[in-house]
Amino acid sequence: MNIAAIQLDIRWEDRAANHARVRELVSSRKISPGTLLVLPETFDTGFSMNKAVTDPGAESASENFCRALAREHGIAVLAGIVARTNDGPLANEAVAFAPDGRELARYRKMQPFTGAKEHECHVAGTSHVVFVWQGTKIAPFICYDLRFPELFRPAARDGAELMIVIANWPKVRSEHWVRLLQARAIENQGFVLGVNRCGDDPALRYDGRSALFDPMGNTLFEADGREQVIQHALDPADARAWRDNFPALRDIRHC
């Protein structure tokens, strides 16, 4: 399965500018049909708690953009957006769309970041999600979720072979970002992809370091702090073989 991770310098609270920049970046690279394109958390607004700006509207401008991008390039798109919920509040979600516009998955961040009072703006999710793309079982997670390994284990039990963490993870804690991604790969015996933003917002600096780890915890790539598109191919059979050969997941004790 081919992945293309976009490490985006997100323009603060400027949905139109971020949509235009993503289009430029995708068009600047040869991305094969069927690729899974991954965008960071809240990719088109930044990690803003200004609900008047982040509200995507009844006909979500964010989702419509992702669907159109998937159709235009014959790819699947997984992106972090702010979404409306059925009962009114906003939520921080990861949504995935197929080339024909079908929704493949919708995951709601289970751990809103209390340090930014996100829990006062976004309703929390209650469960992981696993979907299949190009024969690979994939579970998306969002930023602060990464610090809670108990959220990842049920996805591994449900067969997730690739766990994707999209984020706005700041430079001041970026070593935590890389090491926790690596730990999640080792302990869950699967691929882990982290897609972070870069650049600055009004409060923080972001140094990117989007990364992919294999089921043994080996680094397949780690980006620097520049805006970029990183492409890589992975084989889910590698995760299946390691799980068969080393039965750590099967040996979990249900305490």
Foldseek 3Di string as FASTA:
>chain_A
DKEKFWAAQEDALAQVVLLVVVVVQVVVDDDAAQYEYEYFAQRRHPPDLPCVRQEQDPPRPVLVSQLVVCQVRNYKYWYWGWYADPVGAIFTWIWIAGNNGDTFDIGTAQDQDVVVPVVVRHPHDDAWDWGDGPRAIEIEHEAVCLVPLVRLLVSLVVPHQEYEYHYADFPVCVVVVLVSQLVSLAQSLHKYWYHYYAQDDPPGGHFTQTWIAGSNSDTPDTDTRDGHMDMDDDDSVNSVVVCVVDVNSVPDDDD
